[in-house]
Protein backbone atom coordinates (compact mmCIF):
# COMPACT_ATOMS: atom_id res chain seq x y z
CA MET A 1 97.89 97.91 105.30
CA ALA A 2 96.38 95.69 102.60
CA LYS A 3 98.86 94.05 100.28
CA ASN A 4 98.85 95.08 96.65
CA ILE A 5 99.11 91.62 95.11
CA ILE A 6 99.18 90.94 91.38
CA SER A 7 99.44 87.63 89.56
CA GLY A 8 100.05 86.50 86.01
CA ILE A 9 99.58 83.18 84.25
CA ASP A 10 101.47 82.40 81.05
CA ILE A 11 99.75 79.41 79.42
CA GLY A 12 102.21 78.29 76.79
CA ASN A 13 102.42 75.34 74.47
CA SER A 14 105.21 73.70 76.50
CA ALA A 15 104.69 75.00 80.02
CA VAL A 16 102.27 76.89 82.24
CA LYS A 17 104.04 79.53 84.34
CA THR A 18 102.44 81.39 87.23
CA LEU A 19 103.92 84.39 89.02
CA ILE A 20 102.67 86.17 92.14
CA ALA A 21 104.14 89.54 93.07
CA GLU A 22 103.55 92.39 95.50
CA PHE A 23 103.79 96.08 94.69
CA LYS A 24 105.03 98.15 97.62
CA TYR A 25 104.40 101.85 97.88
CA ASP A 26 108.07 102.69 98.53
CA SER A 27 109.34 100.84 95.44
CA ASP A 28 108.70 101.03 91.71
CA ARG A 29 109.59 97.37 91.20
CA PRO A 30 107.43 94.45 92.32
CA GLN A 31 108.67 91.88 94.81
CA ILE A 32 108.25 88.31 93.57
CA LEU A 33 106.46 86.26 96.22
CA GLY A 34 106.08 82.95 94.43
CA ALA A 35 106.41 81.20 91.08
CA GLY A 36 105.10 77.93 89.69
CA ILE A 37 105.68 75.96 86.52
CA SER A 38 104.12 72.81 85.12
CA PRO A 39 104.15 71.05 81.73
CA SER A 40 101.49 72.21 79.28
CA ASN A 41 99.80 69.48 77.28
CA GLY A 42 96.40 71.03 76.63
CA LEU A 43 97.34 73.70 74.08
CA ARG A 44 98.43 73.66 70.48
CA LYS A 45 99.56 76.86 68.74
CA GLY A 46 98.09 78.88 71.59
CA ILE A 47 94.65 77.24 71.35
CA VAL A 48 93.09 74.94 73.95
CA VAL A 49 92.69 71.51 72.37
CA ASP A 50 92.24 69.46 75.57
CA MET A 51 90.22 71.34 78.19
CA ALA A 52 90.64 68.81 81.01
CA GLU A 53 94.40 68.69 80.49
CA ALA A 54 94.68 72.50 80.33
CA ILE A 55 92.71 72.89 83.56
CA GLU A 56 94.93 70.37 85.36
CA ASN A 57 98.15 71.96 84.04
CA ILE A 58 97.04 75.39 85.26
CA LYS A 59 96.03 73.92 88.62
CA LYS A 60 99.51 72.49 89.24
CA SER A 61 101.29 75.68 88.24
CA VAL A 62 99.03 77.88 90.35
CA ALA A 63 99.27 75.57 93.37
CA GLU A 64 103.06 75.73 93.29
CA ALA A 65 103.06 79.54 93.08
CA GLU A 66 100.44 79.88 95.83
CA GLY A 67 102.40 77.53 98.09
CA ALA A 68 105.56 79.61 97.68
CA ALA A 69 103.77 82.95 98.10
CA GLY A 70 101.44 81.95 100.91
CA VAL A 71 98.47 83.63 99.24
CA LYS A 72 95.53 82.49 97.14
CA ILE A 73 95.02 83.83 93.64
CA LYS A 74 91.55 85.24 92.94
CA ASN A 75 92.27 86.90 89.61
CA ALA A 76 95.17 87.01 87.20
CA TYR A 77 96.44 88.55 84.00
CA VAL A 78 96.57 85.81 81.40
CA SER A 79 98.83 85.70 78.35
CA VAL A 80 97.26 84.91 74.99
CA SER A 81 98.88 84.18 71.65
CA GLY A 82 98.37 82.35 68.39
CA PRO A 83 98.03 82.90 64.65
CA HIS A 84 94.37 83.82 65.16
CA ILE A 85 95.43 87.12 66.76
CA ARG A 86 96.00 90.00 64.39
CA SER A 87 96.90 93.68 64.54
CA GLN A 88 95.76 96.59 62.40
CA VAL A 89 96.08 100.38 62.38
CA SER A 90 92.97 102.52 62.82
CA ARG A 91 92.39 106.28 63.07
CA GLY A 92 89.96 108.18 65.24
CA VAL A 93 88.95 111.85 64.87
CA ILE A 94 87.13 114.10 67.35
CA ALA A 95 86.52 117.78 68.06
CA VAL A 96 88.15 118.99 71.29
CA SER A 97 85.44 119.35 73.93
CA ARG A 98 86.57 122.30 76.04
CA ALA A 99 85.60 125.85 75.10
CA ASN A 100 89.21 127.06 75.48
CA ASN A 101 90.36 124.20 73.17
CA GLU A 102 92.66 122.65 75.80
CA ILE A 103 93.00 118.91 75.26
CA SER A 104 92.03 116.89 78.34
CA GLU A 105 92.32 113.24 79.36
CA TYR A 106 88.63 112.98 78.50
CA ASP A 107 89.42 113.97 74.90
CA ILE A 108 92.22 111.40 74.76
CA GLN A 109 89.82 108.67 75.82
CA ARG A 110 87.21 109.84 73.33
CA VAL A 111 89.59 109.75 70.38
CA LEU A 112 90.87 106.30 71.40
CA ASP A 113 87.27 105.08 71.62
CA ALA A 114 86.60 106.55 68.17
CA ALA A 115 89.64 104.76 66.73
CA SER A 116 88.47 101.49 68.31
CA THR A 117 85.04 101.69 66.66
CA ILE A 118 85.60 99.47 63.66
CA GLY A 119 83.62 96.73 61.96
CA LEU A 120 84.68 93.35 63.34
CA PRO A 121 83.12 89.96 62.65
CA PRO A 122 80.92 88.79 65.54
CA ASN A 123 83.44 86.10 66.46
CA ARG A 124 86.32 88.55 67.07
CA GLN A 125 87.02 91.03 69.86
CA ILE A 126 89.61 93.73 70.59
CA ILE A 127 92.03 92.90 73.41
CA HIS A 128 94.40 95.89 73.12
CA THR A 129 94.15 99.48 71.88
CA ILE A 130 97.66 100.91 71.66
CA PRO A 131 98.16 104.61 70.78
CA LYS A 132 100.71 105.07 68.00
CA ARG A 133 100.61 108.85 67.46
CA TYR A 134 98.37 111.84 67.97
CA ILE A 135 97.67 114.64 65.49
CA VAL A 136 96.51 118.07 66.66
CA ASP A 137 95.10 120.36 63.96
CA GLY A 138 97.14 118.55 61.32
CA GLN A 139 100.41 118.65 63.30
CA GLU A 140 101.72 115.09 63.78
CA PHE A 141 103.98 113.17 66.18
CA PHE A 142 102.51 114.27 69.48
CA LYS A 143 103.08 111.43 71.93
CA ASN A 144 100.89 112.94 74.64
CA PRO A 145 98.86 115.99 73.65
CA THR A 146 97.19 116.41 77.06
CA GLY A 147 97.33 120.07 78.05
CA MET A 148 97.98 121.29 74.52
CA PHE A 149 95.55 123.43 72.53
CA GLY A 150 93.69 122.65 69.34
CA THR A 151 90.24 122.17 67.86
CA ARG A 152 90.72 118.83 66.11
CA LEU A 153 92.34 115.76 67.66
CA GLU A 154 93.22 112.62 65.73
CA ALA A 155 94.85 109.38 66.88
CA ASP A 156 96.42 106.49 65.04
CA VAL A 157 96.19 103.35 67.13
CA ILE A 158 97.15 99.71 66.77
CA LEU A 159 94.20 97.45 67.46
CA ILE A 160 94.92 93.86 68.44
CA ASP A 161 91.96 91.53 68.13
CA ALA A 162 91.47 87.80 68.62
CA LEU A 163 88.93 85.07 67.96
CA THR A 164 86.37 85.15 70.77
CA PRO A 165 85.81 81.34 70.95
CA TYR A 166 89.54 80.77 71.57
CA LEU A 167 89.61 83.46 74.28
CA LYS A 168 86.58 81.88 75.93
CA GLY A 169 88.28 78.49 75.89
CA LEU A 170 91.35 79.92 77.60
CA ALA A 171 89.20 81.81 80.10
CA LYS A 172 87.25 78.66 80.97
CA ALA A 173 90.46 76.75 81.70
CA VAL A 174 91.45 79.52 84.13
CA ASN A 175 87.95 79.97 85.62
CA GLU A 176 87.69 76.25 86.42
CA ASN A 177 90.54 76.84 88.88
CA ASN A 178 88.42 79.49 90.68
CA ILE A 179 90.45 82.32 89.13
CA GLU A 180 88.97 85.22 87.21
CA VAL A 181 90.76 86.66 84.18
CA ALA A 182 91.61 90.27 85.04
CA GLU A 183 92.76 90.92 81.49
CA PHE A 184 94.21 89.10 78.51
CA VAL A 185 97.71 90.25 77.55
CA TYR A 186 99.13 89.55 74.10
CA THR A 187 102.35 87.58 74.63
CA PRO A 188 104.63 89.60 72.26
CA LEU A 189 103.75 92.78 74.15
CA ALA A 190 104.48 91.19 77.54
CA SER A 191 107.82 89.84 76.29
CA ALA A 192 108.84 93.23 74.90
CA LYS A 193 107.81 94.96 78.12
CA ALA A 194 110.12 92.66 80.06
CA ALA A 195 113.07 92.66 77.65
CA LEU A 196 113.25 96.15 76.12
CA ASN A 197 113.79 99.50 77.82
CA LYS A 198 112.66 102.91 76.60
CA ARG A 199 116.01 103.81 74.99
CA VAL A 200 116.18 100.60 72.98
CA LYS A 201 112.65 101.14 71.68
CA GLU A 202 113.55 104.69 70.66
CA HIS A 203 116.46 103.45 68.55
CA GLY A 204 114.30 100.72 67.01
CA ALA A 205 114.21 97.09 68.02
CA VAL A 206 112.66 93.71 67.34
CA CYS A 207 111.80 91.47 70.28
CA LEU A 208 111.64 87.76 69.36
CA ASP A 209 110.29 85.40 72.01
CA PHE A 210 111.02 81.85 70.84
CA GLY A 211 108.51 79.52 72.51
CA GLY A 212 107.74 75.83 72.32
CA GLY A 213 105.05 76.03 69.67
CA LEU A 214 105.07 79.70 68.61
CA CYS A 215 107.46 82.58 67.94
CA HIS A 216 106.26 85.93 69.28
CA LEU A 217 107.43 89.05 67.47
CA ALA A 218 107.11 92.72 68.44
CA VAL A 219 108.66 95.55 66.38
CA PHE A 220 109.33 99.04 67.77
CA GLU A 221 110.40 102.25 66.04
CA GLU A 222 110.91 105.66 67.67
CA GLY A 223 109.61 104.21 70.91
CA GLU A 224 106.30 103.04 69.45
CA LEU A 225 104.98 99.61 68.58
CA ILE A 226 104.56 99.28 64.82
CA HIS A 227 103.86 95.54 64.47
CA ALA A 228 103.20 92.44 66.59
CA THR A 229 102.47 88.87 65.57
CA SER A 230 102.73 85.21 66.57
CA LEU A 231 104.35 82.84 64.08
CA PRO A 232 103.29 79.16 64.04
CA ILE A 233 106.76 77.72 64.62
CA GLY A 234 108.69 77.00 67.80
CA SER A 235 111.37 74.93 69.50
CA LYS A 236 109.27 71.77 69.21
CA ASN A 237 109.54 72.01 65.42
CA ILE A 238 113.32 72.20 65.67
CA THR A 239 113.41 69.21 68.04
CA ASN A 240 111.28 67.16 65.66
CA ASP A 241 113.42 68.08 62.64
CA LEU A 242 116.64 67.25 64.47
CA ALA A 243 115.26 63.90 65.60
CA ILE A 244 114.45 63.03 61.97
CA ALA A 245 117.76 64.35 60.64
CA VAL A 246 119.97 62.41 63.06
CA LYS A 247 117.57 59.47 63.27
CA THR A 248 117.09 59.51 67.03
CA SER A 249 114.17 59.68 69.45
CA LEU A 250 112.65 62.97 70.61
């Protein structure tokens, strides 16, 4: 039976972390096969500023993870962050397609596509479309209207978009290590996925991921994401300030 292998690369401002895991059919949790970490010196505020250095940092992290897992990475999910990434709310509206007015998965995809059709500058692209709520014939707060009946379906979604040149720079650093980017994942969302469970999100929570060069923030209310951002401050700023305050070296 072929192994269901998945890998992720977190290219941070202080370290590059690579994780390789296997999903087994008899378990809902992945088994970690290997992990690798190396210093990151090619990024600043989530943006590649030294391509050669970024490529080498990724290479070392990936090699360590591959050595531990005993497998080669061909593609990976790659984290992305930075002040250039922004989120906004958009609404899509469609007429339900079926003659009996039952809402199908096809209708869900159509309304999400409609909500994602917005005017963006040519140097920006959408990396996430996150449903916030659905509205059926004016009735709100449907989390999953599939199988319900109505003639008009609306969806409020959170669109997360980023500067294309910065994404291409990050993708090139990964591609130069013979790894394809399966998908970019916004760091605050990945952190919240790991740290918060469904109940906590229902009550309302803020997930703050304090990194080396950036703080990643995700805010949830009634189980839904309502805001996500990356703030241009991190632990390196604190280290620098402390070094100045106590007059010592970094």
